[in-house]
């Protein structure tokens, strides 16, 4: 029988623990099980639905889990909105390791939101809500202390959508690859409090930058 690569004692778990330690995160056995359970569910759904182009569980650890968890120290407040969550990234890995915050995971793609809802149910994440809506049309009747997004649009476009939904004080966190020089020169960002954090994601090649916009 072929060993399960997502077994809690397998290579993916070892890679996850090593990578989390490099990020300064001490994951509990329950969190490791939850993160691997998320990848197992994602792998299963990927056989039918095109949720992610990453198919190798070993590559999913850095590209989906560690690349999400690296944002954890930058979160602010008690309510987090994940704009354009897709297959639940970064929202689900963050929520698994951060049970004291409430998360709203929003996407306009119905099949991806169905996957997120299934993951929330199977992983028993009562503090997470999956929301099926286009970002432009989302009117939740509440605001959020942190809004996160993994490069679904330009920084200025994401800020335009997120600003009305942010509490004061609040944080908008946008994940990018290479340093987004051209985007940062957009006049729409000129008067904003913008900080750029260069990130290290274990086992992941290429640059990663987190754009933080503080709204006080």
N, C-alpha and C. Protein backbone atom coordinates (compact mmCIF):
# COMPACT_ATOMS: atom_id res chain seq x y z
N UNK A 1 0.85 -1.20 0.00
CA UNK A 1 0.00 0.00 0.00
C UNK A 1 0.89 1.25 0.00
N UNK A 2 0.56 2.21 -0.85
CA UNK A 2 1.33 3.45 -0.92
C UNK A 2 1.07 4.29 0.33
N UNK A 3 2.11 4.76 1.01
CA UNK A 3 1.89 5.57 2.20
C UNK A 3 1.19 6.89 1.86
N UNK A 4 0.37 7.36 2.77
CA UNK A 4 -0.35 8.62 2.59
C UNK A 4 0.61 9.77 2.86
N UNK A 5 0.88 10.63 1.85
CA UNK A 5 1.83 11.73 2.08
C UNK A 5 1.34 12.75 3.09
N UNK A 6 0.02 12.73 3.37
CA UNK A 6 -0.54 13.68 4.34
C UNK A 6 -0.79 13.04 5.70
N UNK A 7 -0.21 11.89 5.93
CA UNK A 7 -0.31 11.26 7.24
C UNK A 7 0.38 12.15 8.28
N UNK A 8 -0.18 12.26 9.50
CA UNK A 8 0.44 13.11 10.54
C UNK A 8 1.88 12.76 10.84
N UNK A 9 2.30 11.56 10.51
CA UNK A 9 3.69 11.19 10.72
C UNK A 9 4.50 11.17 9.44
N UNK A 10 3.93 11.69 8.36
CA UNK A 10 4.56 11.61 7.05
C UNK A 10 5.42 12.81 6.71
N UNK A 11 5.94 12.84 5.48
CA UNK A 11 6.86 13.90 5.08
C UNK A 11 6.23 15.29 5.03
N UNK A 12 4.95 15.38 4.66
CA UNK A 12 4.31 16.70 4.62
C UNK A 12 4.22 17.29 6.02
N UNK A 13 3.89 16.45 7.01
CA UNK A 13 3.81 16.92 8.40
C UNK A 13 5.18 17.39 8.87
N UNK A 14 6.23 16.63 8.54
CA UNK A 14 7.57 17.02 8.95
C UNK A 14 7.96 18.36 8.31
N UNK A 15 7.61 18.51 7.03
CA UNK A 15 7.94 19.76 6.34
C UNK A 15 7.15 20.93 6.93
N UNK A 16 5.90 20.68 7.27
CA UNK A 16 5.07 21.72 7.89
C UNK A 16 5.65 22.15 9.23
N UNK A 17 6.02 21.20 10.07
CA UNK A 17 6.57 21.54 11.38
C UNK A 17 7.89 22.29 11.26
N UNK A 18 8.73 21.86 10.34
CA UNK A 18 10.01 22.54 10.14
C UNK A 18 9.79 23.97 9.63
N UNK A 19 8.89 24.10 8.67
CA UNK A 19 8.61 25.43 8.14
C UNK A 19 7.98 26.35 9.17
N UNK A 20 7.04 25.83 9.94
CA UNK A 20 6.39 26.64 10.98
C UNK A 20 7.41 27.09 12.02
N UNK A 21 8.31 26.19 12.39
CA UNK A 21 9.35 26.56 13.37
C UNK A 21 10.22 27.69 12.83
N UNK A 22 10.53 27.64 11.53
CA UNK A 22 11.33 28.71 10.91
C UNK A 22 10.59 30.04 10.94
N UNK A 23 9.26 29.99 10.96
CA UNK A 23 8.44 31.20 11.05
C UNK A 23 8.21 31.64 12.50
N UNK A 24 8.71 30.84 13.45
CA UNK A 24 8.50 31.16 14.86
C UNK A 24 7.16 30.71 15.39
N UNK A 25 6.54 29.75 14.71
CA UNK A 25 5.22 29.26 15.12
C UNK A 25 5.37 27.87 15.72
N UNK A 26 4.81 27.67 16.89
CA UNK A 26 4.80 26.36 17.53
C UNK A 26 3.40 25.77 17.36
N UNK A 27 3.23 24.92 16.37
CA UNK A 27 1.92 24.36 16.08
C UNK A 27 1.60 23.22 17.04
N UNK A 28 0.35 23.17 17.48
CA UNK A 28 -0.10 22.07 18.32
C UNK A 28 -0.42 20.87 17.43
N UNK A 29 -0.46 19.66 18.01
CA UNK A 29 -0.85 18.49 17.20
C UNK A 29 -2.21 18.68 16.54
N UNK A 30 -3.15 19.33 17.23
CA UNK A 30 -4.47 19.55 16.64
C UNK A 30 -4.39 20.50 15.44
N UNK A 31 -3.53 21.50 15.52
CA UNK A 31 -3.37 22.43 14.39
C UNK A 31 -2.71 21.74 13.20
N UNK A 32 -1.70 20.91 13.47
CA UNK A 32 -1.07 20.15 12.39
C UNK A 32 -2.09 19.25 11.72
N UNK A 33 -2.89 18.56 12.54
CA UNK A 33 -3.92 17.67 11.99
C UNK A 33 -4.93 18.47 11.16
N UNK A 34 -5.31 19.65 11.63
CA UNK A 34 -6.25 20.47 10.90
C UNK A 34 -5.69 20.96 9.57
N UNK A 35 -4.43 21.39 9.56
CA UNK A 35 -3.81 21.87 8.33
C UNK A 35 -3.65 20.74 7.31
N UNK A 36 -3.22 19.56 7.79
CA UNK A 36 -3.10 18.42 6.88
C UNK A 36 -4.47 17.94 6.41
N UNK A 37 -5.46 18.04 7.29
CA UNK A 37 -6.83 17.69 6.89
C UNK A 37 -7.35 18.62 5.81
N UNK A 38 -7.00 19.88 5.91
CA UNK A 38 -7.37 20.84 4.86
C UNK A 38 -6.73 20.45 3.52
N UNK A 39 -5.44 20.11 3.55
CA UNK A 39 -4.78 19.71 2.30
C UNK A 39 -5.36 18.43 1.74
N UNK A 40 -5.71 17.49 2.61
CA UNK A 40 -6.31 16.23 2.15
C UNK A 40 -7.64 16.49 1.46
N UNK A 41 -8.44 17.36 2.05
CA UNK A 41 -9.74 17.70 1.46
C UNK A 41 -9.53 18.44 0.14
N UNK A 42 -8.58 19.34 0.10
CA UNK A 42 -8.29 20.08 -1.13
C UNK A 42 -7.83 19.12 -2.23
N UNK A 43 -6.98 18.17 -1.87
CA UNK A 43 -6.51 17.19 -2.84
C UNK A 43 -7.66 16.36 -3.39
N UNK A 44 -8.58 15.98 -2.51
CA UNK A 44 -9.73 15.16 -2.92
C UNK A 44 -10.64 15.94 -3.87
N UNK A 45 -10.95 17.18 -3.53
CA UNK A 45 -11.81 18.00 -4.38
C UNK A 45 -11.13 18.34 -5.70
N UNK A 46 -9.81 18.43 -5.68
CA UNK A 46 -9.07 18.79 -6.89
C UNK A 46 -9.20 17.73 -7.98
N UNK A 47 -9.54 16.52 -7.60
CA UNK A 47 -9.70 15.46 -8.60
C UNK A 47 -10.91 15.72 -9.50
N UNK A 48 -11.86 16.49 -9.00
CA UNK A 48 -13.07 16.80 -9.76
C UNK A 48 -13.14 18.26 -10.16
N UNK A 49 -12.74 19.14 -9.26
CA UNK A 49 -12.83 20.58 -9.50
C UNK A 49 -11.43 21.18 -9.57
N UNK A 50 -11.27 22.15 -10.43
CA UNK A 50 -9.96 22.81 -10.57
C UNK A 50 -9.85 23.93 -9.55
N UNK A 51 -9.53 23.56 -8.30
CA UNK A 51 -9.45 24.54 -7.22
C UNK A 51 -8.07 25.17 -7.12
N UNK A 52 -7.03 24.40 -7.45
CA UNK A 52 -5.67 24.90 -7.38
C UNK A 52 -4.82 24.16 -8.39
N UNK A 53 -3.84 24.86 -8.95
CA UNK A 53 -2.94 24.23 -9.91
C UNK A 53 -1.88 23.39 -9.23
N UNK A 54 -1.72 23.56 -7.92
CA UNK A 54 -0.72 22.80 -7.16
C UNK A 54 -1.32 21.44 -6.80
N UNK A 55 -0.71 20.38 -7.26
CA UNK A 55 -1.25 19.03 -7.04
C UNK A 55 -0.43 18.21 -6.05
N UNK A 56 0.84 18.51 -5.93
CA UNK A 56 1.74 17.74 -5.07
C UNK A 56 1.57 18.18 -3.62
N UNK A 57 1.17 17.28 -2.72
CA UNK A 57 0.99 17.67 -1.31
C UNK A 57 2.24 18.28 -0.69
N UNK A 58 3.42 17.80 -1.11
CA UNK A 58 4.65 18.37 -0.58
C UNK A 58 4.82 19.82 -0.96
N UNK A 59 4.38 20.19 -2.18
CA UNK A 59 4.45 21.58 -2.61
C UNK A 59 3.32 22.42 -2.02
N UNK A 60 2.20 21.77 -1.69
CA UNK A 60 1.11 22.51 -1.05
C UNK A 60 1.51 23.07 0.31
N UNK A 61 2.42 22.38 0.99
CA UNK A 61 2.81 22.85 2.33
C UNK A 61 3.39 24.26 2.27
N UNK A 62 4.43 24.52 1.46
CA UNK A 62 4.92 25.90 1.42
C UNK A 62 4.01 26.86 0.67
N UNK A 63 3.43 26.41 -0.45
CA UNK A 63 2.71 27.35 -1.31
C UNK A 63 1.32 27.68 -0.80
N UNK A 64 0.71 26.79 -0.03
CA UNK A 64 -0.62 27.06 0.51
C UNK A 64 -0.62 27.31 2.02
N UNK A 65 0.10 26.49 2.77
CA UNK A 65 0.05 26.61 4.22
C UNK A 65 1.03 27.66 4.75
N UNK A 66 2.31 27.48 4.49
CA UNK A 66 3.30 28.41 5.04
C UNK A 66 3.14 29.81 4.46
N UNK A 67 2.77 29.89 3.18
CA UNK A 67 2.58 31.19 2.54
C UNK A 67 1.36 31.93 3.10
N UNK A 68 0.47 31.19 3.74
CA UNK A 68 -0.66 31.82 4.44
C UNK A 68 -0.27 32.17 5.88
N UNK A 69 0.36 31.23 6.58
CA UNK A 69 0.68 31.43 7.99
C UNK A 69 1.69 32.54 8.22
N UNK A 70 2.48 32.87 7.20
CA UNK A 70 3.45 33.95 7.36
C UNK A 70 2.76 35.29 7.62
N UNK A 71 1.46 35.38 7.31
CA UNK A 71 0.71 36.61 7.55
C UNK A 71 0.23 36.74 8.99
N UNK A 72 0.28 35.65 9.74
CA UNK A 72 -0.36 35.61 11.06
C UNK A 72 0.12 36.73 12.00
N UNK A 73 1.42 37.03 12.11
CA UNK A 73 1.85 38.08 13.05
C UNK A 73 1.36 39.48 12.68
N UNK A 74 0.89 39.66 11.46
CA UNK A 74 0.49 40.99 11.00
C UNK A 74 -1.01 41.26 11.17
N UNK A 75 -1.77 40.26 11.61
CA UNK A 75 -3.21 40.45 11.78
C UNK A 75 -3.49 41.39 12.94
N UNK A 76 -4.63 42.07 12.85
CA UNK A 76 -5.00 43.08 13.84
C UNK A 76 -6.47 42.89 14.18
N UNK A 77 -6.79 42.97 15.47
CA UNK A 77 -8.18 42.95 15.89
C UNK A 77 -8.80 41.57 15.85
N UNK A 78 -10.12 41.53 15.97
CA UNK A 78 -10.83 40.26 16.19
C UNK A 78 -11.59 39.74 14.99
N UNK A 79 -11.71 40.55 13.92
CA UNK A 79 -12.55 40.16 12.77
C UNK A 79 -11.76 40.30 11.48
N UNK A 80 -11.58 39.19 10.75
CA UNK A 80 -10.76 39.16 9.55
C UNK A 80 -11.61 38.80 8.34
N UNK A 81 -11.48 39.58 7.28
CA UNK A 81 -12.14 39.29 6.01
C UNK A 81 -11.07 38.91 4.99
N UNK A 82 -11.26 37.77 4.34
CA UNK A 82 -10.37 37.30 3.28
C UNK A 82 -11.05 37.58 1.95
N UNK A 83 -10.56 38.60 1.24
CA UNK A 83 -11.15 39.01 -0.05
C UNK A 83 -10.59 38.14 -1.17
N UNK A 84 -11.46 37.46 -1.89
CA UNK A 84 -11.02 36.60 -2.98
C UNK A 84 -10.31 35.37 -2.46
N UNK A 85 -10.93 34.68 -1.54
CA UNK A 85 -10.28 33.56 -0.84
C UNK A 85 -9.99 32.37 -1.73
N UNK A 86 -10.69 32.22 -2.86
CA UNK A 86 -10.46 31.05 -3.71
C UNK A 86 -10.75 29.77 -2.96
N UNK A 87 -9.75 28.92 -2.84
CA UNK A 87 -9.90 27.65 -2.13
C UNK A 87 -9.64 27.80 -0.63
N UNK A 88 -9.92 28.99 -0.11
CA UNK A 88 -9.77 29.19 1.33
C UNK A 88 -8.40 29.67 1.74
N UNK A 89 -7.72 30.40 0.86
CA UNK A 89 -6.35 30.84 1.13
C UNK A 89 -6.25 32.36 1.08
N UNK A 90 -5.71 32.96 2.11
CA UNK A 90 -5.05 32.38 3.28
C UNK A 90 -5.98 32.08 4.46
N UNK A 91 -7.28 32.34 4.30
CA UNK A 91 -8.18 32.34 5.44
C UNK A 91 -8.25 31.05 6.24
N UNK A 92 -8.36 29.90 5.56
CA UNK A 92 -8.52 28.64 6.30
C UNK A 92 -7.28 28.27 7.11
N UNK A 93 -6.06 28.29 6.53
CA UNK A 93 -4.90 28.01 7.36
C UNK A 93 -4.76 28.98 8.54
N UNK A 94 -5.05 30.26 8.31
CA UNK A 94 -4.99 31.21 9.41
C UNK A 94 -6.00 30.87 10.50
N UNK A 95 -7.23 30.55 10.09
CA UNK A 95 -8.28 30.25 11.08
C UNK A 95 -7.96 28.99 11.87
N UNK A 96 -7.37 27.99 11.22
CA UNK A 96 -7.02 26.75 11.92
C UNK A 96 -6.04 27.04 13.05
N UNK A 97 -5.12 27.96 12.81
CA UNK A 97 -4.07 28.27 13.80
C UNK A 97 -4.40 29.47 14.66
N UNK A 98 -5.57 30.05 14.48
CA UNK A 98 -5.93 31.31 15.15
C UNK A 98 -7.40 31.26 15.56
N UNK A 99 -7.75 30.37 16.49
CA UNK A 99 -9.17 30.14 16.80
C UNK A 99 -9.86 31.29 17.54
N UNK A 100 -9.10 32.25 18.03
CA UNK A 100 -9.71 33.34 18.81
C UNK A 100 -10.20 34.50 17.96
N UNK A 101 -9.91 34.47 16.65
CA UNK A 101 -10.46 35.48 15.76
C UNK A 101 -11.59 34.88 14.92
N UNK A 102 -12.49 35.74 14.47
CA UNK A 102 -13.55 35.32 13.55
C UNK A 102 -13.13 35.67 12.13
N UNK A 103 -13.45 34.78 11.20
CA UNK A 103 -13.03 34.93 9.81
C UNK A 103 -14.23 34.86 8.87
N UNK A 104 -14.21 35.74 7.87
CA UNK A 104 -15.18 35.70 6.77
C UNK A 104 -14.37 35.48 5.50
N UNK A 105 -14.69 34.43 4.75
CA UNK A 105 -13.95 34.07 3.54
C UNK A 105 -14.85 34.28 2.34
N UNK A 106 -14.51 35.27 1.51
CA UNK A 106 -15.40 35.71 0.44
C UNK A 106 -14.82 35.39 -0.93
N UNK A 107 -15.68 34.88 -1.81
CA UNK A 107 -15.27 34.65 -3.20
C UNK A 107 -16.51 34.65 -4.08
N UNK A 108 -16.31 35.03 -5.34
CA UNK A 108 -17.42 35.04 -6.29
C UNK A 108 -17.60 33.74 -7.05
N UNK A 109 -16.68 32.79 -6.85
CA UNK A 109 -16.74 31.50 -7.55
C UNK A 109 -17.51 30.50 -6.70
N UNK A 110 -18.66 30.05 -7.21
CA UNK A 110 -19.54 29.19 -6.42
C UNK A 110 -18.92 27.88 -5.99
N UNK A 111 -18.19 27.21 -6.89
CA UNK A 111 -17.63 25.90 -6.53
C UNK A 111 -16.55 26.06 -5.47
N UNK A 112 -15.81 27.15 -5.51
CA UNK A 112 -14.78 27.36 -4.49
C UNK A 112 -15.40 27.67 -3.14
N UNK A 113 -16.48 28.42 -3.13
CA UNK A 113 -17.17 28.70 -1.87
C UNK A 113 -17.79 27.43 -1.31
N UNK A 114 -18.31 26.56 -2.18
CA UNK A 114 -18.84 25.28 -1.70
C UNK A 114 -17.73 24.45 -1.05
N UNK A 115 -16.55 24.48 -1.65
CA UNK A 115 -15.42 23.77 -1.03
C UNK A 115 -15.10 24.36 0.33
N UNK A 116 -15.04 25.68 0.42
CA UNK A 116 -14.72 26.32 1.70
C UNK A 116 -15.76 25.95 2.75
N UNK A 117 -17.03 25.95 2.37
CA UNK A 117 -18.08 25.57 3.33
C UNK A 117 -17.90 24.13 3.81
N UNK A 118 -17.56 23.24 2.89
CA UNK A 118 -17.32 21.85 3.26
C UNK A 118 -16.13 21.74 4.20
N UNK A 119 -15.07 22.49 3.91
CA UNK A 119 -13.89 22.47 4.77
C UNK A 119 -14.21 23.01 6.16
N UNK A 120 -14.97 24.08 6.23
CA UNK A 120 -15.36 24.64 7.53
C UNK A 120 -16.12 23.61 8.35
N UNK A 121 -17.01 22.87 7.68
CA UNK A 121 -17.79 21.85 8.38
C UNK A 121 -16.92 20.69 8.82
N UNK A 122 -16.11 20.15 7.90
CA UNK A 122 -15.31 18.97 8.22
C UNK A 122 -14.20 19.28 9.22
N UNK A 123 -13.64 20.47 9.14
CA UNK A 123 -12.55 20.83 10.04
C UNK A 123 -13.04 21.45 11.34
N UNK A 124 -14.35 21.61 11.45
CA UNK A 124 -14.98 22.12 12.68
C UNK A 124 -14.39 23.48 13.08
N UNK A 125 -14.68 24.44 12.22
CA UNK A 125 -14.19 25.80 12.42
C UNK A 125 -15.39 26.73 12.62
N UNK A 126 -15.95 26.76 13.83
CA UNK A 126 -17.17 27.53 14.04
C UNK A 126 -16.99 29.04 13.91
N UNK A 127 -15.74 29.50 13.93
CA UNK A 127 -15.50 30.95 13.85
C UNK A 127 -15.31 31.42 12.42
N UNK A 128 -15.59 30.53 11.44
CA UNK A 128 -15.37 30.86 10.03
C UNK A 128 -16.69 30.83 9.27
N UNK A 129 -16.91 31.86 8.45
CA UNK A 129 -18.09 31.91 7.58
C UNK A 129 -17.63 32.02 6.13
N UNK A 130 -18.19 31.20 5.25
CA UNK A 130 -17.92 31.28 3.82
C UNK A 130 -18.99 32.15 3.17
N UNK A 131 -18.57 33.09 2.34
CA UNK A 131 -19.49 34.06 1.74
C UNK A 131 -19.35 34.02 0.23
N UNK A 132 -20.48 33.77 -0.46
CA UNK A 132 -20.49 33.76 -1.92
C UNK A 132 -20.96 35.12 -2.41
N UNK A 133 -20.02 35.92 -2.88
CA UNK A 133 -20.36 37.26 -3.38
C UNK A 133 -19.18 37.80 -4.17
N UNK A 134 -19.47 38.62 -5.17
CA UNK A 134 -18.42 39.38 -5.82
C UNK A 134 -17.96 40.47 -4.86
N UNK A 135 -16.68 40.77 -4.89
CA UNK A 135 -16.13 41.76 -3.97
C UNK A 135 -16.83 43.11 -4.13
N UNK A 136 -17.10 43.47 -5.39
CA UNK A 136 -17.71 44.78 -5.65
C UNK A 136 -19.12 44.89 -5.09
N UNK A 137 -19.79 43.75 -4.93
CA UNK A 137 -21.19 43.76 -4.51
C UNK A 137 -21.37 43.47 -3.03
N UNK A 138 -20.31 43.18 -2.31
CA UNK A 138 -20.41 42.73 -0.92
C UNK A 138 -20.81 43.89 -0.01
N UNK A 139 -21.93 43.75 0.67
CA UNK A 139 -22.43 44.75 1.62
C UNK A 139 -22.81 44.02 2.91
N UNK A 140 -21.84 43.75 3.77
CA UNK A 140 -22.10 42.88 4.92
C UNK A 140 -22.83 43.54 6.08
N UNK A 141 -22.92 44.87 6.09
CA UNK A 141 -23.56 45.53 7.23
C UNK A 141 -22.68 45.55 8.47
N UNK A 142 -21.40 45.30 8.31
CA UNK A 142 -20.45 45.35 9.42
C UNK A 142 -19.08 45.68 8.84
N UNK A 143 -18.12 45.94 9.73
CA UNK A 143 -16.76 46.22 9.28
C UNK A 143 -15.79 45.23 9.92
N UNK A 144 -14.56 45.23 9.40
CA UNK A 144 -13.57 44.23 9.79
C UNK A 144 -12.29 44.91 10.24
N UNK A 145 -11.63 44.31 11.23
CA UNK A 145 -10.41 44.91 11.76
C UNK A 145 -9.21 44.64 10.87
N UNK A 146 -9.20 43.51 10.17
CA UNK A 146 -8.16 43.20 9.18
C UNK A 146 -8.81 42.64 7.93
N UNK A 147 -8.35 43.09 6.78
CA UNK A 147 -8.76 42.52 5.50
C UNK A 147 -7.50 42.02 4.81
N UNK A 148 -7.53 40.76 4.37
CA UNK A 148 -6.38 40.16 3.72
C UNK A 148 -6.75 39.78 2.28
N UNK A 149 -5.73 39.76 1.42
CA UNK A 149 -5.96 39.36 0.03
C UNK A 149 -4.65 38.90 -0.57
N UNK A 150 -4.69 37.82 -1.32
CA UNK A 150 -3.49 37.29 -1.95
C UNK A 150 -3.47 37.67 -3.43
N UNK A 151 -3.20 38.95 -3.69
CA UNK A 151 -2.89 39.41 -5.05
C UNK A 151 -3.97 39.10 -6.07
N UNK A 152 -5.24 39.34 -5.71
CA UNK A 152 -6.31 39.11 -6.68
C UNK A 152 -6.50 40.31 -7.61
N UNK A 153 -5.86 41.43 -7.30
CA UNK A 153 -5.95 42.64 -8.12
C UNK A 153 -4.78 43.53 -7.72
N UNK A 154 -4.74 44.75 -8.29
CA UNK A 154 -3.68 45.67 -7.88
C UNK A 154 -3.94 46.15 -6.45
N UNK A 155 -2.89 46.68 -5.83
CA UNK A 155 -3.03 47.18 -4.46
C UNK A 155 -4.09 48.27 -4.39
N UNK A 156 -4.04 49.19 -5.34
CA UNK A 156 -5.01 50.29 -5.33
C UNK A 156 -6.44 49.78 -5.53
N UNK A 157 -6.63 48.80 -6.41
CA UNK A 157 -7.96 48.24 -6.61
C UNK A 157 -8.47 47.56 -5.34
N UNK A 158 -7.61 46.77 -4.71
CA UNK A 158 -8.02 46.09 -3.48
C UNK A 158 -8.33 47.11 -2.40
N UNK A 159 -7.52 48.15 -2.29
CA UNK A 159 -7.80 49.18 -1.28
C UNK A 159 -9.14 49.86 -1.55
N UNK A 160 -9.43 50.13 -2.82
CA UNK A 160 -10.71 50.76 -3.13
C UNK A 160 -11.90 49.93 -2.70
N UNK A 161 -11.77 48.59 -2.82
CA UNK A 161 -12.85 47.70 -2.39
C UNK A 161 -12.88 47.53 -0.88
N UNK A 162 -11.68 47.52 -0.27
CA UNK A 162 -11.60 47.19 1.15
C UNK A 162 -11.86 48.38 2.07
N UNK A 163 -11.49 49.56 1.64
CA UNK A 163 -11.55 50.73 2.53
C UNK A 163 -12.91 50.93 3.19
N UNK A 164 -14.04 50.80 2.45
CA UNK A 164 -15.33 51.00 3.12
C UNK A 164 -15.67 49.92 4.14
N UNK A 165 -14.94 48.80 4.11
CA UNK A 165 -15.23 47.68 4.99
C UNK A 165 -14.30 47.61 6.19
N UNK A 166 -13.34 48.52 6.27
CA UNK A 166 -12.35 48.48 7.34
C UNK A 166 -12.79 49.28 8.55
N UNK A 167 -12.60 48.68 9.73
CA UNK A 167 -12.76 49.42 10.97
C UNK A 167 -11.64 50.46 11.08
N UNK A 168 -11.82 51.39 11.99
CA UNK A 168 -10.77 52.34 12.34
C UNK A 168 -10.46 52.18 13.83
N UNK A 169 -9.24 51.78 14.20
CA UNK A 169 -8.12 51.44 13.33
C UNK A 169 -8.31 50.08 12.67
N UNK A 170 -7.70 49.93 11.50
CA UNK A 170 -7.79 48.67 10.77
C UNK A 170 -6.57 48.47 9.91
N UNK A 171 -6.43 47.26 9.38
CA UNK A 171 -5.28 46.91 8.55
C UNK A 171 -5.74 46.22 7.27
N UNK A 172 -5.18 46.64 6.16
CA UNK A 172 -5.34 45.93 4.89
C UNK A 172 -4.00 45.28 4.57
N UNK A 173 -4.00 43.96 4.36
CA UNK A 173 -2.79 43.21 4.09
C UNK A 173 -2.91 42.55 2.72
N UNK A 174 -2.02 42.93 1.81
CA UNK A 174 -2.06 42.42 0.44
C UNK A 174 -0.76 41.67 0.18
N UNK A 175 -0.87 40.39 -0.17
CA UNK A 175 0.31 39.58 -0.45
C UNK A 175 0.68 39.70 -1.93
N UNK A 176 1.96 39.96 -2.17
CA UNK A 176 2.48 40.06 -3.53
C UNK A 176 3.76 39.23 -3.63
N UNK A 177 4.18 38.96 -4.85
CA UNK A 177 5.44 38.26 -5.08
C UNK A 177 6.59 39.24 -5.07
N UNK A 178 7.04 39.63 -6.26
CA UNK A 178 8.13 40.60 -6.35
C UNK A 178 7.69 41.96 -5.84
N UNK A 179 8.67 42.76 -5.45
CA UNK A 179 8.38 44.11 -4.94
C UNK A 179 7.55 44.87 -5.96
N UNK A 180 6.33 45.31 -5.59
CA UNK A 180 5.41 45.89 -6.57
C UNK A 180 5.66 47.39 -6.80
N UNK A 181 6.80 47.71 -7.35
CA UNK A 181 7.21 49.10 -7.50
C UNK A 181 6.17 49.94 -8.24
N UNK A 182 5.72 49.46 -9.39
CA UNK A 182 4.78 50.24 -10.20
C UNK A 182 3.46 50.44 -9.46
N UNK A 183 2.95 49.37 -8.83
CA UNK A 183 1.68 49.49 -8.11
C UNK A 183 1.76 50.49 -6.97
N UNK A 184 2.90 50.52 -6.29
CA UNK A 184 3.05 51.41 -5.14
C UNK A 184 3.13 52.88 -5.55
N UNK A 185 3.39 53.13 -6.82
CA UNK A 185 3.45 54.51 -7.30
C UNK A 185 2.09 55.03 -7.77
N UNK A 186 1.06 54.22 -7.63
CA UNK A 186 -0.29 54.64 -8.03
C UNK A 186 -0.70 55.86 -7.20
N UNK A 187 -1.17 56.93 -7.84
CA UNK A 187 -1.57 58.13 -7.10
C UNK A 187 -2.64 57.86 -6.04
N UNK A 188 -3.45 56.82 -6.22
CA UNK A 188 -4.50 56.52 -5.24
C UNK A 188 -3.93 56.12 -3.89
N UNK A 189 -2.66 55.72 -3.85
CA UNK A 189 -2.04 55.31 -2.59
C UNK A 189 -1.21 56.40 -1.95
N UNK A 190 -1.11 57.54 -2.61
CA UNK A 190 -0.13 58.56 -2.22
C UNK A 190 -0.30 59.03 -0.77
N UNK A 191 -1.51 59.21 -0.32
CA UNK A 191 -1.74 59.78 1.01
C UNK A 191 -2.02 58.72 2.08
N UNK A 192 -1.75 57.47 1.76
CA UNK A 192 -2.04 56.38 2.69
C UNK A 192 -0.80 55.99 3.48
N UNK A 193 -1.04 55.38 4.64
CA UNK A 193 0.04 54.88 5.49
C UNK A 193 0.39 53.46 5.02
N UNK A 194 1.39 53.35 4.14
CA UNK A 194 1.75 52.09 3.50
C UNK A 194 3.11 51.62 3.99
N UNK A 195 3.17 50.36 4.39
CA UNK A 195 4.44 49.74 4.74
C UNK A 195 4.60 48.46 3.93
N UNK A 196 5.83 48.15 3.54
CA UNK A 196 6.12 46.94 2.77
C UNK A 196 7.03 46.04 3.59
N UNK A 197 6.57 44.81 3.82
CA UNK A 197 7.34 43.84 4.59
C UNK A 197 7.85 42.75 3.64
N UNK A 198 9.16 42.60 3.57
CA UNK A 198 9.73 41.49 2.80
C UNK A 198 9.64 40.23 3.65
N UNK A 199 9.06 39.17 3.10
CA UNK A 199 8.77 37.97 3.87
C UNK A 199 9.66 36.82 3.44
N UNK A 200 9.95 35.96 4.38
CA UNK A 200 10.63 34.70 4.11
C UNK A 200 9.64 33.57 4.32
N UNK A 201 9.40 32.79 3.27
CA UNK A 201 8.52 31.64 3.36
C UNK A 201 9.38 30.39 3.16
N UNK A 202 9.53 29.55 4.18
CA UNK A 202 10.38 28.37 4.05
C UNK A 202 9.99 27.49 2.87
N UNK A 203 10.98 26.97 2.17
CA UNK A 203 10.83 26.04 1.05
C UNK A 203 10.21 26.67 -0.19
N UNK A 204 10.01 27.98 -0.18
CA UNK A 204 9.36 28.63 -1.31
C UNK A 204 10.37 29.53 -2.02
N UNK A 205 10.59 29.25 -3.30
CA UNK A 205 11.50 30.08 -4.07
C UNK A 205 10.79 31.35 -4.52
N UNK A 206 11.58 32.36 -4.80
CA UNK A 206 11.00 33.62 -5.26
C UNK A 206 10.71 34.56 -4.12
N UNK A 207 10.49 35.81 -4.48
CA UNK A 207 10.25 36.85 -3.49
C UNK A 207 8.80 36.83 -3.02
N UNK A 208 8.60 37.27 -1.78
CA UNK A 208 7.26 37.49 -1.25
C UNK A 208 7.28 38.79 -0.47
N UNK A 209 6.28 39.61 -0.71
CA UNK A 209 6.15 40.89 -0.01
C UNK A 209 4.73 41.05 0.50
N UNK A 210 4.62 41.60 1.70
CA UNK A 210 3.32 41.90 2.28
C UNK A 210 3.17 43.41 2.32
N UNK A 211 2.13 43.90 1.66
CA UNK A 211 1.83 45.33 1.66
C UNK A 211 0.82 45.59 2.77
N UNK A 212 1.19 46.41 3.72
CA UNK A 212 0.32 46.74 4.85
C UNK A 212 -0.13 48.19 4.74
N UNK A 213 -1.43 48.39 4.72
CA UNK A 213 -2.01 49.74 4.72
C UNK A 213 -2.76 49.92 6.03
N UNK A 214 -2.32 50.87 6.82
CA UNK A 214 -2.95 51.13 8.12
C UNK A 214 -3.97 52.25 7.98
N UNK A 215 -5.15 51.98 8.47
CA UNK A 215 -6.21 52.98 8.47
C UNK A 215 -6.54 53.31 9.91
N UNK A 216 -6.12 54.46 10.36
CA UNK A 216 -6.28 54.83 11.78
C UNK A 216 -7.50 55.71 11.98
